Amino acid sequence: MKKNISKFWVGFKKDFDIYINLFVAIPTAIFSIFQISNQNIILSLLLTTTSLISLSLLKNRQTNRKYQGFISEIGNDNSLTNHVLKQNFNQTEITDLVMSSSHCFISGLGLTILFPTLNALIEKNIENCPKIKFLLMDPNANAVKIAAFRAKIPVSELTNELTSNINKLENLTKKSCGRIQYKTIDYLPHCNLFGFNTNLPHGRIIVHFASWRTSHLERPFIELEKGRDSKWFDYYNNQFYMMWEASGLSGNGATVVKRK
């Protein structure tokens, strides 16, 4: 009984205009059929019912206009998608976020554009640099050929850049007493991930998606905040650490990929 009353109350709060309309319309119909009341009262009740129906239609029309507005915005420059997905990836902003964080992680194909600037900044502040985990492709991996084909660059060029970055990371690892760590993967990453203070309430992750033969600036990216986007923030945070745990690094810097 209590369960039925609860369901009725929930339905009444959601569609109260329909319930009131029924409460007025049903007695009006009974009074009219059995001629219990005079004509003036019945006409008054009919007018009340008509007014309630009009109010209900007005409410539904306003709701429909709201949803139509959302749908029409999909094709506009101000659509929700255009607000979420961004372009013109700002390298300076990324390096500033890295250096101002207490800890962060970076994963990607080879970090060929970002790493030279970041390497110089870390070198200058090696004693006070943040804790950073780097995850990049093994230059000896078969996936390098696919990555070079996708980027439309020579395989040797990409291999040399990857090898150079790993050598620099090995040097930073030694100088930073372990504050800088790196591992490698032997597969093509689906996106670049940049995480900043992800264990703190103000944590932030930037997901930079891969594309087919487009410039670095054209590739779309999204920004996720821990407090605002907790579901997808946790998803991509877990993605990085799953990849991290699936890779290994020996003491001399040689890469060892764990396979399951």
Protein backbone atom coordinates (compact mmCIF):
# COMPACT_ATOMS: atom_id res chain seq x y z
CA MET A 1 0.00 0.00 0.00
CA LYS A 2 2.76 2.44 0.97
CA LYS A 3 4.65 1.54 -2.21
CA ASN A 4 1.60 2.35 -4.37
CA ILE A 5 1.06 5.66 -2.58
CA SER A 6 4.72 6.53 -3.09
CA LYS A 7 4.49 5.77 -6.84
CA PHE A 8 1.31 7.87 -7.09
CA TRP A 9 2.97 10.82 -5.33
CA VAL A 10 6.02 10.66 -7.60
CA GLY A 11 3.78 10.58 -10.67
CA PHE A 12 1.65 13.42 -9.33
CA LYS A 13 4.66 15.68 -8.79
CA LYS A 14 5.93 14.94 -12.30
CA ASP A 15 2.59 15.35 -14.16
CA PHE A 16 0.40 17.19 -11.66
CA ASP A 17 -1.52 19.05 -14.41
CA ILE A 18 -2.73 15.77 -15.93
CA TYR A 19 -3.85 14.41 -12.54
CA ILE A 20 -5.77 17.59 -11.67
CA ASN A 21 -7.38 17.53 -15.10
CA LEU A 22 -8.56 13.95 -14.50
CA PHE A 23 -9.87 14.81 -11.03
CA VAL A 24 -12.01 17.57 -12.55
CA ALA A 25 -13.02 15.83 -15.80
CA ILE A 26 -14.23 12.53 -14.30
CA PRO A 27 -16.67 14.06 -11.74
CA THR A 28 -17.90 16.47 -14.44
CA ALA A 29 -18.73 13.56 -16.73
CA ILE A 30 -20.56 11.73 -13.89
CA PHE A 31 -22.55 14.82 -12.91
CA SER A 32 -23.54 15.39 -16.54
CA ILE A 33 -24.62 11.80 -17.21
CA PHE A 34 -26.73 11.45 -14.08
CA GLN A 35 -27.82 15.12 -14.05
CA ILE A 36 -26.69 15.47 -10.48
CA SER A 37 -25.78 19.13 -10.82
CA ASN A 38 -27.22 22.06 -12.75
CA GLN A 39 -25.97 23.16 -16.16
CA ASN A 40 -24.03 26.23 -14.92
CA ILE A 41 -21.84 24.19 -12.57
CA ILE A 42 -21.14 21.61 -15.30
CA LEU A 43 -20.20 24.35 -17.78
CA SER A 44 -17.87 25.91 -15.20
CA LEU A 45 -16.18 22.57 -14.65
CA LEU A 46 -15.83 22.07 -18.42
CA LEU A 47 -14.17 25.47 -18.75
CA THR A 48 -11.81 24.58 -15.91
CA THR A 49 -10.91 21.31 -17.65
CA THR A 50 -10.29 23.14 -20.93
CA SER A 51 -8.01 25.62 -19.18
CA LEU A 52 -5.99 22.84 -17.55
CA ILE A 53 -5.59 21.10 -20.92
CA SER A 54 -4.31 24.36 -22.43
CA LEU A 55 -1.79 24.76 -19.61
CA SER A 56 -0.61 21.18 -20.10
CA LEU A 57 -0.18 21.75 -23.86
CA LEU A 58 1.75 24.94 -23.18
CA LYS A 59 4.08 23.11 -20.81
CA ASN A 60 4.71 20.37 -23.38
CA ARG A 61 5.31 22.91 -26.14
CA GLN A 62 7.93 24.71 -24.06
CA THR A 63 9.70 21.39 -23.38
CA ASN A 64 9.66 20.53 -27.08
CA ARG A 65 11.12 23.92 -28.00
CA LYS A 66 13.91 23.34 -25.49
CA TYR A 67 14.88 20.01 -27.07
CA GLN A 68 14.54 21.41 -30.58
CA GLY A 69 17.00 24.11 -29.56
CA PHE A 70 19.52 21.50 -28.43
CA ILE A 71 19.15 19.59 -31.70
CA SER A 72 19.50 22.67 -33.89
CA GLU A 73 22.68 23.71 -32.07
CA ILE A 74 24.45 20.52 -33.16
CA GLY A 75 25.03 22.00 -36.61
CA ASN A 76 26.17 25.40 -35.35
CA ASP A 77 29.58 26.68 -34.36
CA ASN A 78 28.22 27.08 -30.83
CA SER A 79 27.23 23.41 -30.54
CA LEU A 80 28.13 21.34 -27.50
CA THR A 81 30.58 19.26 -29.55
CA ASN A 82 32.51 22.33 -30.65
CA HIS A 83 32.78 23.48 -27.04
CA VAL A 84 34.13 20.10 -25.88
CA LEU A 85 36.51 19.27 -28.74
CA LYS A 86 39.24 21.86 -29.28
CA GLN A 87 42.07 22.45 -31.72
CA ASN A 88 45.28 24.51 -31.83
CA PHE A 89 47.09 22.52 -29.16
CA ASN A 90 49.14 24.95 -27.06
CA GLN A 91 52.61 23.50 -26.39
CA THR A 92 53.59 26.40 -24.14
CA GLU A 93 50.56 25.86 -21.92
CA ILE A 94 51.43 22.17 -21.58
CA THR A 95 55.04 22.83 -20.58
CA ASP A 96 53.87 25.47 -18.07
CA LEU A 97 51.39 23.01 -16.55
CA VAL A 98 54.06 20.33 -16.30
CA MET A 99 56.58 22.56 -14.56
CA SER A 100 53.99 23.99 -12.15
CA SER A 101 52.66 20.56 -11.10
CA SER A 102 53.90 18.46 -8.22
CA HIS A 103 53.60 15.32 -10.34
CA CYS A 104 52.30 14.49 -13.81
CA PHE A 105 52.35 11.92 -16.58
CA ILE A 106 52.84 12.21 -20.33
CA SER A 107 52.25 9.51 -22.91
CA GLY A 108 52.38 9.63 -26.68
CA LEU A 109 53.95 8.45 -29.85
CA GLY A 110 57.37 9.99 -29.36
CA LEU A 111 56.77 13.46 -27.90
CA THR A 112 58.79 14.71 -30.87
CA ILE A 113 57.38 18.26 -30.75
CA LEU A 114 56.91 18.79 -27.02
CA PHE A 115 59.96 17.07 -25.55
CA PRO A 116 62.82 19.35 -26.74
CA THR A 117 61.33 22.38 -24.94
CA LEU A 118 60.36 20.36 -21.89
CA ASN A 119 63.79 18.73 -21.71
CA ALA A 120 65.49 22.16 -21.59
CA LEU A 121 63.17 23.37 -18.79
CA ILE A 122 63.75 20.23 -16.71
CA GLU A 123 67.53 20.50 -17.19
CA LYS A 124 67.46 24.05 -15.79
CA ASN A 125 65.37 23.01 -12.76
CA ILE A 126 66.57 19.46 -12.28
CA GLU A 127 66.70 19.69 -8.48
CA ASN A 128 63.18 21.04 -8.14
CA CYS A 129 61.50 19.47 -11.14
CA PRO A 130 58.13 17.73 -10.67
CA LYS A 131 57.77 13.96 -10.63
CA ILE A 132 57.07 13.00 -14.24
CA LYS A 133 56.25 9.67 -15.83
CA PHE A 134 56.94 9.48 -19.57
CA LEU A 135 55.49 6.75 -21.76
CA LEU A 136 56.59 6.64 -25.42
CA MET A 137 57.14 4.18 -28.25
CA ASP A 138 60.12 1.86 -28.41
CA PRO A 139 62.18 2.94 -31.47
CA ASN A 140 62.70 -0.76 -32.31
CA ALA A 141 58.98 -1.59 -32.25
CA ASN A 142 57.22 -2.71 -35.41
CA ALA A 143 54.53 -0.10 -34.74
CA VAL A 144 57.03 2.66 -35.59
CA LYS A 145 56.59 1.80 -39.28
CA ILE A 146 52.82 2.25 -38.98
CA ALA A 147 53.28 5.52 -37.08
CA ALA A 148 55.66 6.86 -39.73
CA PHE A 149 53.25 5.84 -42.50
CA ARG A 150 50.37 7.57 -40.72
CA ALA A 151 52.40 10.76 -40.22
CA LYS A 152 53.83 10.55 -43.76
CA ILE A 153 57.45 10.81 -42.62
CA PRO A 154 60.44 8.46 -43.19
CA VAL A 155 60.72 5.58 -40.71
CA SER A 156 64.38 6.45 -40.10
CA GLU A 157 63.46 10.00 -39.12
CA LEU A 158 60.93 8.85 -36.52
CA THR A 159 63.28 6.14 -35.22
CA ASN A 160 66.09 8.65 -34.76
CA GLU A 161 63.82 11.08 -32.90
CA LEU A 162 62.54 8.35 -30.60
CA THR A 163 66.07 7.13 -29.87
CA SER A 164 67.27 10.67 -29.18
CA ASN A 165 64.38 11.34 -26.77
CA ILE A 166 64.96 8.08 -24.90
CA ASN A 167 68.66 8.89 -24.49
CA LYS A 168 67.76 12.30 -23.10
CA LEU A 169 65.20 10.75 -20.76
CA GLU A 170 67.80 8.26 -19.53
CA ASN A 171 70.06 11.20 -18.74
CA LEU A 172 67.26 13.06 -16.92
CA THR A 173 66.39 9.93 -14.92
CA LYS A 174 69.92 9.74 -13.56
CA LYS A 175 70.23 13.46 -12.84
CA SER A 176 66.84 13.75 -11.13
CA CYS A 177 67.45 10.82 -8.78
CA GLY A 178 64.37 9.04 -10.07
CA ARG A 179 61.97 11.99 -10.17
CA ILE A 180 61.87 11.52 -13.93
CA GLN A 181 60.80 8.03 -15.03
CA TYR A 182 60.09 6.60 -18.46
CA LYS A 183 58.86 3.42 -20.04
CA THR A 184 58.22 2.37 -23.62
CA ILE A 185 55.47 0.56 -25.51
CA ASP A 186 55.63 -1.51 -28.68
CA TYR A 187 52.22 -0.59 -30.07
CA LEU A 188 50.64 2.49 -31.64
CA PRO A 189 48.99 4.64 -28.93
CA HIS A 190 45.41 5.73 -29.61
CA CYS A 191 46.02 9.20 -28.20
CA ASN A 192 48.44 11.34 -26.24
CA LEU A 193 47.66 11.75 -22.54
CA PHE A 194 48.81 14.58 -20.28
CA GLY A 195 47.91 14.28 -16.61
CA PHE A 196 48.58 16.96 -13.99
CA ASN A 197 48.20 16.38 -10.23
CA THR A 198 45.69 13.63 -10.94
CA ASN A 199 45.55 12.49 -7.31
CA LEU A 200 44.49 15.96 -6.11
CA PRO A 201 40.99 17.52 -6.19
CA HIS A 202 42.07 20.00 -8.89
CA GLY A 203 43.59 17.29 -11.09
CA ARG A 204 43.47 17.74 -14.84
CA ILE A 205 43.93 15.51 -17.90
CA ILE A 206 44.29 16.53 -21.55
CA VAL A 207 43.47 13.90 -24.17
CA HIS A 208 45.04 14.67 -27.56
CA PHE A 209 43.53 12.36 -30.19
CA ALA A 210 45.43 10.73 -33.02
CA SER A 211 44.54 11.61 -36.62
CA TRP A 212 45.36 10.55 -40.15
CA ARG A 213 48.00 12.73 -41.79
CA THR A 214 46.94 16.04 -40.29
CA SER A 215 49.05 18.66 -38.59
CA HIS A 216 49.64 18.61 -34.85
CA LEU A 217 47.48 21.72 -34.43
CA GLU A 218 44.52 20.24 -36.33
CA ARG A 219 44.21 17.19 -34.10
CA PRO A 220 41.30 17.56 -31.64
CA PHE A 221 41.74 17.37 -27.89
CA ILE A 222 39.57 17.54 -24.78
CA GLU A 223 40.32 18.81 -21.27
CA LEU A 224 39.02 16.88 -18.29
CA GLU A 225 38.83 18.14 -14.71
CA LYS A 226 38.61 15.76 -11.79
CA GLY A 227 35.82 17.60 -10.01
CA ARG A 228 33.76 18.28 -13.14
CA ASP A 229 34.36 15.24 -15.36
CA SER A 230 34.98 12.50 -12.82
CA LYS A 231 33.75 9.59 -15.00
CA TRP A 232 36.00 10.26 -18.03
CA PHE A 233 38.79 11.66 -15.88
CA ASP A 234 39.02 8.34 -14.04
CA TYR A 235 38.74 6.44 -17.31
CA TYR A 236 41.76 8.11 -18.96
CA ASN A 237 43.71 8.20 -15.72
CA ASN A 238 43.27 4.41 -15.48
CA GLN A 239 44.17 4.05 -19.15
CA PHE A 240 47.57 5.61 -18.55
CA TYR A 241 48.39 3.51 -15.50
CA MET A 242 47.22 0.32 -17.22
CA MET A 243 49.64 1.06 -20.08
CA TRP A 244 52.34 1.98 -17.57
CA GLU A 245 51.98 -1.29 -15.68
CA ALA A 246 51.98 -3.27 -18.94
CA SER A 247 55.45 -1.92 -19.80
CA GLY A 248 58.78 -2.40 -18.09
CA LEU A 249 62.24 -0.85 -17.90
CA SER A 250 65.47 -2.51 -16.83
CA GLY A 251 68.14 -0.79 -14.80
CA ASN A 252 70.35 0.09 -17.78
CA GLY A 253 67.54 1.77 -19.71
CA ALA A 254 66.73 -1.08 -22.06
CA THR A 255 63.04 -1.54 -22.57
CA VAL A 256 61.20 -4.69 -21.63
CA VAL A 257 57.55 -5.02 -22.60
CA LYS A 258 55.48 -7.30 -20.42
CA ARG A 259 53.11 -9.52 -22.34
CA LYS A 260 50.09 -11.34 -20.98
